[in-house]
Amino acid sequence: MRTETRAIGNVLVVRLSGELDLGTAPEFRGRVEEELDARPDVTCMFLVLRDVTFIDSSGLGVILGRYKRLRARGGSLVAVSPSPQVRKVFELSGLATIIPVCETEDEAWARASGV
């Protein structure tokens, strides 16, 4: 798994590629937690999932944990461009009813700016 992060104002954009599973979830959690600790002004996270090829319950759990942390700050987490297999897991698990899913980053930015 590869994780790229970039803060833009109060938004943390996280791009994932590869598998998010039991073996890689701790790495993802650590990387995002470092970013959130270093940036207390971040209230929104865009999780770009276009290049994620597999996700299991550990991956869902680590995403839900970051969602809860951001909610505690009064913020939100948005899943962006999930691959078809990730979208299916989000829908089957019910996570898609908790975490908004946007097809594009433009749509996520519009949502974040209240447009």
N, C-alpha and C. Protein backbone atom coordinates (compact mmCIF):
# COMPACT_ATOMS: atom_id res chain seq x y z
N MET A 1 0.84 -1.18 0.00
CA MET A 1 0.00 0.00 0.00
C MET A 1 0.88 1.24 0.00
N ARG A 2 0.43 2.25 -0.72
CA ARG A 2 1.11 3.53 -0.74
C ARG A 2 0.14 4.60 -0.25
N THR A 3 0.63 5.49 0.59
CA THR A 3 -0.19 6.56 1.15
C THR A 3 0.49 7.89 0.85
N GLU A 4 -0.23 8.78 0.20
CA GLU A 4 0.26 10.13 -0.05
C GLU A 4 -0.68 11.10 0.64
N THR A 5 -0.11 12.09 1.34
CA THR A 5 -0.94 13.07 2.03
C THR A 5 -0.55 14.47 1.60
N ARG A 6 -1.54 15.35 1.63
CA ARG A 6 -1.31 16.75 1.31
C ARG A 6 -2.38 17.58 2.01
N ALA A 7 -1.95 18.55 2.78
CA ALA A 7 -2.89 19.44 3.46
C ALA A 7 -3.12 20.67 2.61
N ILE A 8 -4.39 21.00 2.40
CA ILE A 8 -4.78 22.20 1.67
C ILE A 8 -5.78 22.93 2.55
N GLY A 9 -5.32 23.99 3.20
CA GLY A 9 -6.17 24.69 4.15
C GLY A 9 -6.54 23.75 5.29
N ASN A 10 -7.82 23.62 5.57
CA ASN A 10 -8.27 22.74 6.65
C ASN A 10 -8.62 21.34 6.16
N VAL A 11 -8.21 21.00 4.92
CA VAL A 11 -8.52 19.70 4.33
C VAL A 11 -7.24 18.89 4.18
N LEU A 12 -7.30 17.65 4.65
CA LEU A 12 -6.20 16.71 4.44
C LEU A 12 -6.63 15.76 3.33
N VAL A 13 -5.89 15.78 2.22
CA VAL A 13 -6.18 14.89 1.10
C VAL A 13 -5.25 13.69 1.23
N VAL A 14 -5.83 12.51 1.33
CA VAL A 14 -5.07 11.27 1.49
C VAL A 14 -5.37 10.39 0.28
N ARG A 15 -4.32 10.06 -0.46
CA ARG A 15 -4.46 9.18 -1.63
C ARG A 15 -3.85 7.82 -1.30
N LEU A 16 -4.68 6.80 -1.46
CA LEU A 16 -4.23 5.44 -1.18
C LEU A 16 -4.14 4.65 -2.48
N SER A 17 -3.19 3.73 -2.52
CA SER A 17 -3.14 2.79 -3.63
C SER A 17 -2.69 1.44 -3.08
N GLY A 18 -3.18 0.38 -3.71
CA GLY A 18 -2.87 -0.97 -3.27
C GLY A 18 -3.96 -1.53 -2.39
N GLU A 19 -3.56 -2.36 -1.43
CA GLU A 19 -4.51 -3.04 -0.55
C GLU A 19 -4.54 -2.38 0.83
N LEU A 20 -5.73 -2.19 1.36
CA LEU A 20 -5.91 -1.70 2.73
C LEU A 20 -6.52 -2.84 3.52
N ASP A 21 -5.67 -3.55 4.26
CA ASP A 21 -6.10 -4.76 4.95
C ASP A 21 -5.38 -4.88 6.29
N LEU A 22 -5.49 -6.03 6.90
CA LEU A 22 -4.89 -6.28 8.22
C LEU A 22 -3.41 -5.93 8.25
N GLY A 23 -2.70 -6.21 7.17
CA GLY A 23 -1.27 -5.95 7.12
C GLY A 23 -0.90 -4.49 6.92
N THR A 24 -1.75 -3.72 6.25
CA THR A 24 -1.41 -2.34 5.92
C THR A 24 -2.19 -1.29 6.71
N ALA A 25 -3.26 -1.70 7.37
CA ALA A 25 -4.09 -0.75 8.12
C ALA A 25 -3.29 0.01 9.19
N PRO A 26 -2.39 -0.66 9.96
CA PRO A 26 -1.63 0.08 10.96
C PRO A 26 -0.75 1.18 10.36
N GLU A 27 -0.17 0.91 9.20
CA GLU A 27 0.66 1.92 8.52
C GLU A 27 -0.19 3.13 8.12
N PHE A 28 -1.36 2.86 7.55
CA PHE A 28 -2.27 3.92 7.17
C PHE A 28 -2.68 4.74 8.40
N ARG A 29 -3.08 4.04 9.46
CA ARG A 29 -3.51 4.73 10.69
C ARG A 29 -2.39 5.62 11.21
N GLY A 30 -1.17 5.09 11.28
CA GLY A 30 -0.04 5.86 11.80
C GLY A 30 0.24 7.10 10.98
N ARG A 31 0.22 6.95 9.67
CA ARG A 31 0.51 8.09 8.79
C ARG A 31 -0.54 9.18 8.94
N VAL A 32 -1.82 8.79 8.95
CA VAL A 32 -2.89 9.79 9.06
C VAL A 32 -2.90 10.41 10.46
N GLU A 33 -2.68 9.62 11.49
CA GLU A 33 -2.64 10.17 12.85
C GLU A 33 -1.51 11.19 13.00
N GLU A 34 -0.35 10.92 12.41
CA GLU A 34 0.75 11.90 12.44
C GLU A 34 0.32 13.22 11.81
N GLU A 35 -0.33 13.13 10.68
CA GLU A 35 -0.80 14.33 9.98
C GLU A 35 -1.83 15.08 10.82
N LEU A 36 -2.78 14.36 11.40
CA LEU A 36 -3.82 15.01 12.20
C LEU A 36 -3.24 15.62 13.48
N ASP A 37 -2.27 14.94 14.08
CA ASP A 37 -1.61 15.49 15.27
C ASP A 37 -0.86 16.77 14.95
N ALA A 38 -0.21 16.79 13.79
CA ALA A 38 0.60 17.95 13.39
C ALA A 38 -0.26 19.11 12.88
N ARG A 39 -1.51 18.84 12.53
CA ARG A 39 -2.38 19.86 11.94
C ARG A 39 -3.73 19.90 12.66
N PRO A 40 -3.78 20.53 13.84
CA PRO A 40 -5.04 20.58 14.57
C PRO A 40 -6.13 21.39 13.86
N ASP A 41 -5.75 22.16 12.83
CA ASP A 41 -6.74 22.95 12.08
C ASP A 41 -7.47 22.12 11.03
N VAL A 42 -6.99 20.90 10.74
CA VAL A 42 -7.64 20.05 9.75
C VAL A 42 -8.95 19.54 10.33
N THR A 43 -10.04 19.82 9.60
CA THR A 43 -11.36 19.38 10.03
C THR A 43 -12.04 18.49 8.99
N CYS A 44 -11.39 18.32 7.84
CA CYS A 44 -11.98 17.52 6.78
C CYS A 44 -10.89 16.67 6.14
N MET A 45 -11.22 15.44 5.82
CA MET A 45 -10.28 14.58 5.12
C MET A 45 -10.95 14.00 3.89
N PHE A 46 -10.28 14.12 2.75
CA PHE A 46 -10.70 13.46 1.53
C PHE A 46 -9.86 12.21 1.40
N LEU A 47 -10.49 11.07 1.38
CA LEU A 47 -9.81 9.79 1.25
C LEU A 47 -10.02 9.30 -0.18
N VAL A 48 -8.99 9.49 -1.02
CA VAL A 48 -9.09 9.15 -2.43
C VAL A 48 -8.76 7.67 -2.60
N LEU A 49 -9.76 6.90 -3.04
CA LEU A 49 -9.68 5.44 -3.06
C LEU A 49 -9.67 4.86 -4.47
N ARG A 50 -9.41 5.68 -5.46
CA ARG A 50 -9.44 5.27 -6.87
C ARG A 50 -8.52 4.07 -7.13
N ASP A 51 -7.34 4.06 -6.52
CA ASP A 51 -6.34 3.03 -6.80
C ASP A 51 -6.24 1.94 -5.73
N VAL A 52 -7.26 1.84 -4.88
CA VAL A 52 -7.28 0.77 -3.89
C VAL A 52 -7.88 -0.47 -4.55
N THR A 53 -7.12 -1.55 -4.50
CA THR A 53 -7.53 -2.78 -5.19
C THR A 53 -8.25 -3.77 -4.29
N PHE A 54 -8.10 -3.60 -2.96
CA PHE A 54 -8.72 -4.53 -2.01
C PHE A 54 -8.85 -3.83 -0.68
N ILE A 55 -9.96 -4.10 0.01
CA ILE A 55 -10.15 -3.59 1.37
C ILE A 55 -10.88 -4.65 2.17
N ASP A 56 -10.45 -4.86 3.41
CA ASP A 56 -11.13 -5.83 4.27
C ASP A 56 -11.66 -5.11 5.51
N SER A 57 -12.14 -5.89 6.47
CA SER A 57 -12.75 -5.28 7.66
C SER A 57 -11.75 -4.46 8.46
N SER A 58 -10.48 -4.82 8.44
CA SER A 58 -9.46 -4.02 9.13
C SER A 58 -9.34 -2.65 8.47
N GLY A 59 -9.39 -2.63 7.15
CA GLY A 59 -9.34 -1.37 6.41
C GLY A 59 -10.56 -0.51 6.70
N LEU A 60 -11.73 -1.13 6.72
CA LEU A 60 -12.94 -0.39 7.06
C LEU A 60 -12.86 0.17 8.47
N GLY A 61 -12.33 -0.63 9.39
CA GLY A 61 -12.23 -0.20 10.78
C GLY A 61 -11.31 1.00 10.95
N VAL A 62 -10.19 0.99 10.24
CA VAL A 62 -9.25 2.10 10.37
C VAL A 62 -9.82 3.37 9.74
N ILE A 63 -10.59 3.24 8.67
CA ILE A 63 -11.26 4.39 8.07
C ILE A 63 -12.31 4.94 9.04
N LEU A 64 -13.09 4.06 9.63
CA LEU A 64 -14.12 4.48 10.58
C LEU A 64 -13.50 5.19 11.79
N GLY A 65 -12.35 4.72 12.23
CA GLY A 65 -11.66 5.36 13.35
C GLY A 65 -11.25 6.79 13.03
N ARG A 66 -10.74 7.03 11.81
CA ARG A 66 -10.36 8.39 11.41
C ARG A 66 -11.61 9.25 11.25
N TYR A 67 -12.69 8.66 10.76
CA TYR A 67 -13.97 9.38 10.66
C TYR A 67 -14.39 9.87 12.06
N LYS A 68 -14.31 8.99 13.04
CA LYS A 68 -14.71 9.36 14.41
C LYS A 68 -13.82 10.45 14.97
N ARG A 69 -12.52 10.38 14.68
CA ARG A 69 -11.60 11.42 15.18
C ARG A 69 -11.96 12.77 14.58
N LEU A 70 -12.22 12.80 13.28
CA LEU A 70 -12.58 14.05 12.64
C LEU A 70 -13.93 14.57 13.13
N ARG A 71 -14.89 13.69 13.35
CA ARG A 71 -16.19 14.10 13.88
C ARG A 71 -16.03 14.73 15.26
N ALA A 72 -15.10 14.21 16.07
CA ALA A 72 -14.85 14.78 17.39
C ALA A 72 -14.31 16.21 17.28
N ARG A 73 -13.69 16.53 16.16
CA ARG A 73 -13.20 17.89 15.90
C ARG A 73 -14.28 18.76 15.27
N GLY A 74 -15.44 18.18 15.05
CA GLY A 74 -16.50 18.91 14.37
C GLY A 74 -16.36 18.85 12.86
N GLY A 75 -15.57 17.89 12.38
CA GLY A 75 -15.30 17.79 10.95
C GLY A 75 -15.92 16.58 10.29
N SER A 76 -15.34 16.22 9.14
CA SER A 76 -15.90 15.12 8.37
C SER A 76 -14.83 14.41 7.56
N LEU A 77 -15.18 13.24 7.09
CA LEU A 77 -14.35 12.45 6.19
C LEU A 77 -15.20 12.13 4.98
N VAL A 78 -14.62 12.27 3.80
CA VAL A 78 -15.33 12.00 2.55
C VAL A 78 -14.53 10.98 1.76
N ALA A 79 -15.17 9.91 1.34
CA ALA A 79 -14.53 8.94 0.44
C ALA A 79 -14.67 9.46 -0.98
N VAL A 80 -13.56 9.46 -1.71
CA VAL A 80 -13.56 10.04 -3.05
C VAL A 80 -13.13 9.00 -4.08
N SER A 81 -13.88 8.91 -5.15
CA SER A 81 -13.56 8.05 -6.31
C SER A 81 -13.22 6.62 -5.93
N PRO A 82 -14.06 5.96 -5.13
CA PRO A 82 -13.72 4.58 -4.78
C PRO A 82 -13.74 3.68 -6.01
N SER A 83 -12.80 2.75 -6.04
CA SER A 83 -12.81 1.76 -7.11
C SER A 83 -14.08 0.93 -6.98
N PRO A 84 -14.51 0.26 -8.04
CA PRO A 84 -15.75 -0.52 -7.96
C PRO A 84 -15.76 -1.53 -6.81
N GLN A 85 -14.64 -2.23 -6.58
CA GLN A 85 -14.61 -3.21 -5.50
C GLN A 85 -14.69 -2.56 -4.12
N VAL A 86 -14.07 -1.39 -3.96
CA VAL A 86 -14.14 -0.68 -2.68
C VAL A 86 -15.55 -0.14 -2.47
N ARG A 87 -16.15 0.41 -3.50
CA ARG A 87 -17.52 0.91 -3.39
C ARG A 87 -18.46 -0.20 -2.94
N LYS A 88 -18.30 -1.39 -3.50
CA LYS A 88 -19.16 -2.52 -3.14
C LYS A 88 -18.99 -2.88 -1.67
N VAL A 89 -17.76 -2.90 -1.17
CA VAL A 89 -17.51 -3.20 0.24
C VAL A 89 -18.10 -2.11 1.12
N PHE A 90 -17.96 -0.84 0.72
CA PHE A 90 -18.56 0.26 1.47
C PHE A 90 -20.08 0.07 1.57
N GLU A 91 -20.70 -0.28 0.45
CA GLU A 91 -22.16 -0.43 0.44
C GLU A 91 -22.61 -1.64 1.24
N LEU A 92 -21.94 -2.77 1.06
CA LEU A 92 -22.32 -3.99 1.78
C LEU A 92 -22.13 -3.87 3.29
N SER A 93 -21.10 -3.14 3.69
CA SER A 93 -20.81 -2.99 5.12
C SER A 93 -21.67 -1.94 5.79
N GLY A 94 -22.30 -1.08 5.00
CA GLY A 94 -23.09 0.01 5.56
C GLY A 94 -22.28 1.27 5.78
N LEU A 95 -20.99 1.23 5.51
CA LEU A 95 -20.15 2.41 5.71
C LEU A 95 -20.56 3.56 4.80
N ALA A 96 -21.11 3.24 3.63
CA ALA A 96 -21.55 4.27 2.69
C ALA A 96 -22.72 5.08 3.24
N THR A 97 -23.41 4.57 4.26
CA THR A 97 -24.50 5.35 4.88
C THR A 97 -23.97 6.29 5.95
N ILE A 98 -22.73 6.09 6.37
CA ILE A 98 -22.11 6.92 7.41
C ILE A 98 -21.17 7.95 6.80
N ILE A 99 -20.35 7.49 5.86
CA ILE A 99 -19.33 8.33 5.24
C ILE A 99 -19.80 8.71 3.84
N PRO A 100 -19.88 10.01 3.55
CA PRO A 100 -20.28 10.42 2.20
C PRO A 100 -19.29 9.92 1.16
N VAL A 101 -19.81 9.55 0.00
CA VAL A 101 -18.98 9.09 -1.11
C VAL A 101 -19.18 10.05 -2.28
N CYS A 102 -18.08 10.61 -2.79
CA CYS A 102 -18.12 11.50 -3.94
C CYS A 102 -17.41 10.83 -5.10
N GLU A 103 -17.93 11.04 -6.30
CA GLU A 103 -17.32 10.43 -7.49
C GLU A 103 -16.02 11.09 -7.89
N THR A 104 -15.89 12.40 -7.64
CA THR A 104 -14.70 13.14 -8.05
C THR A 104 -14.20 14.03 -6.92
N GLU A 105 -12.96 14.47 -7.05
CA GLU A 105 -12.42 15.41 -6.07
C GLU A 105 -13.13 16.76 -6.19
N ASP A 106 -13.50 17.16 -7.40
CA ASP A 106 -14.24 18.40 -7.57
C ASP A 106 -15.55 18.36 -6.77
N GLU A 107 -16.22 17.22 -6.83
CA GLU A 107 -17.47 17.06 -6.08
C GLU A 107 -17.20 17.15 -4.57
N ALA A 108 -16.10 16.56 -4.13
CA ALA A 108 -15.74 16.62 -2.70
C ALA A 108 -15.43 18.05 -2.28
N TRP A 109 -14.70 18.78 -3.12
CA TRP A 109 -14.38 20.19 -2.80
C TRP A 109 -15.66 21.03 -2.75
N ALA A 110 -16.57 20.79 -3.67
CA ALA A 110 -17.83 21.53 -3.66
C ALA A 110 -18.60 21.24 -2.37
N ARG A 111 -18.59 19.98 -1.96
CA ARG A 111 -19.28 19.57 -0.73
C ARG A 111 -18.63 20.26 0.48
N ALA A 112 -17.29 20.30 0.51
CA ALA A 112 -16.57 20.88 1.63
C ALA A 112 -16.78 22.39 1.72
N SER A 113 -16.96 23.03 0.58
CA SER A 113 -17.14 24.48 0.58
C SER A 113 -18.61 24.87 0.69
N GLY A 114 -19.49 23.86 0.74
CA GLY A 114 -20.90 24.14 0.92
C GLY A 114 -21.62 24.61 -0.33
N VAL A 115 -21.00 24.39 -1.49
CA VAL A 115 -21.61 24.81 -2.76
C VAL A 115 -22.70 23.86 -3.16
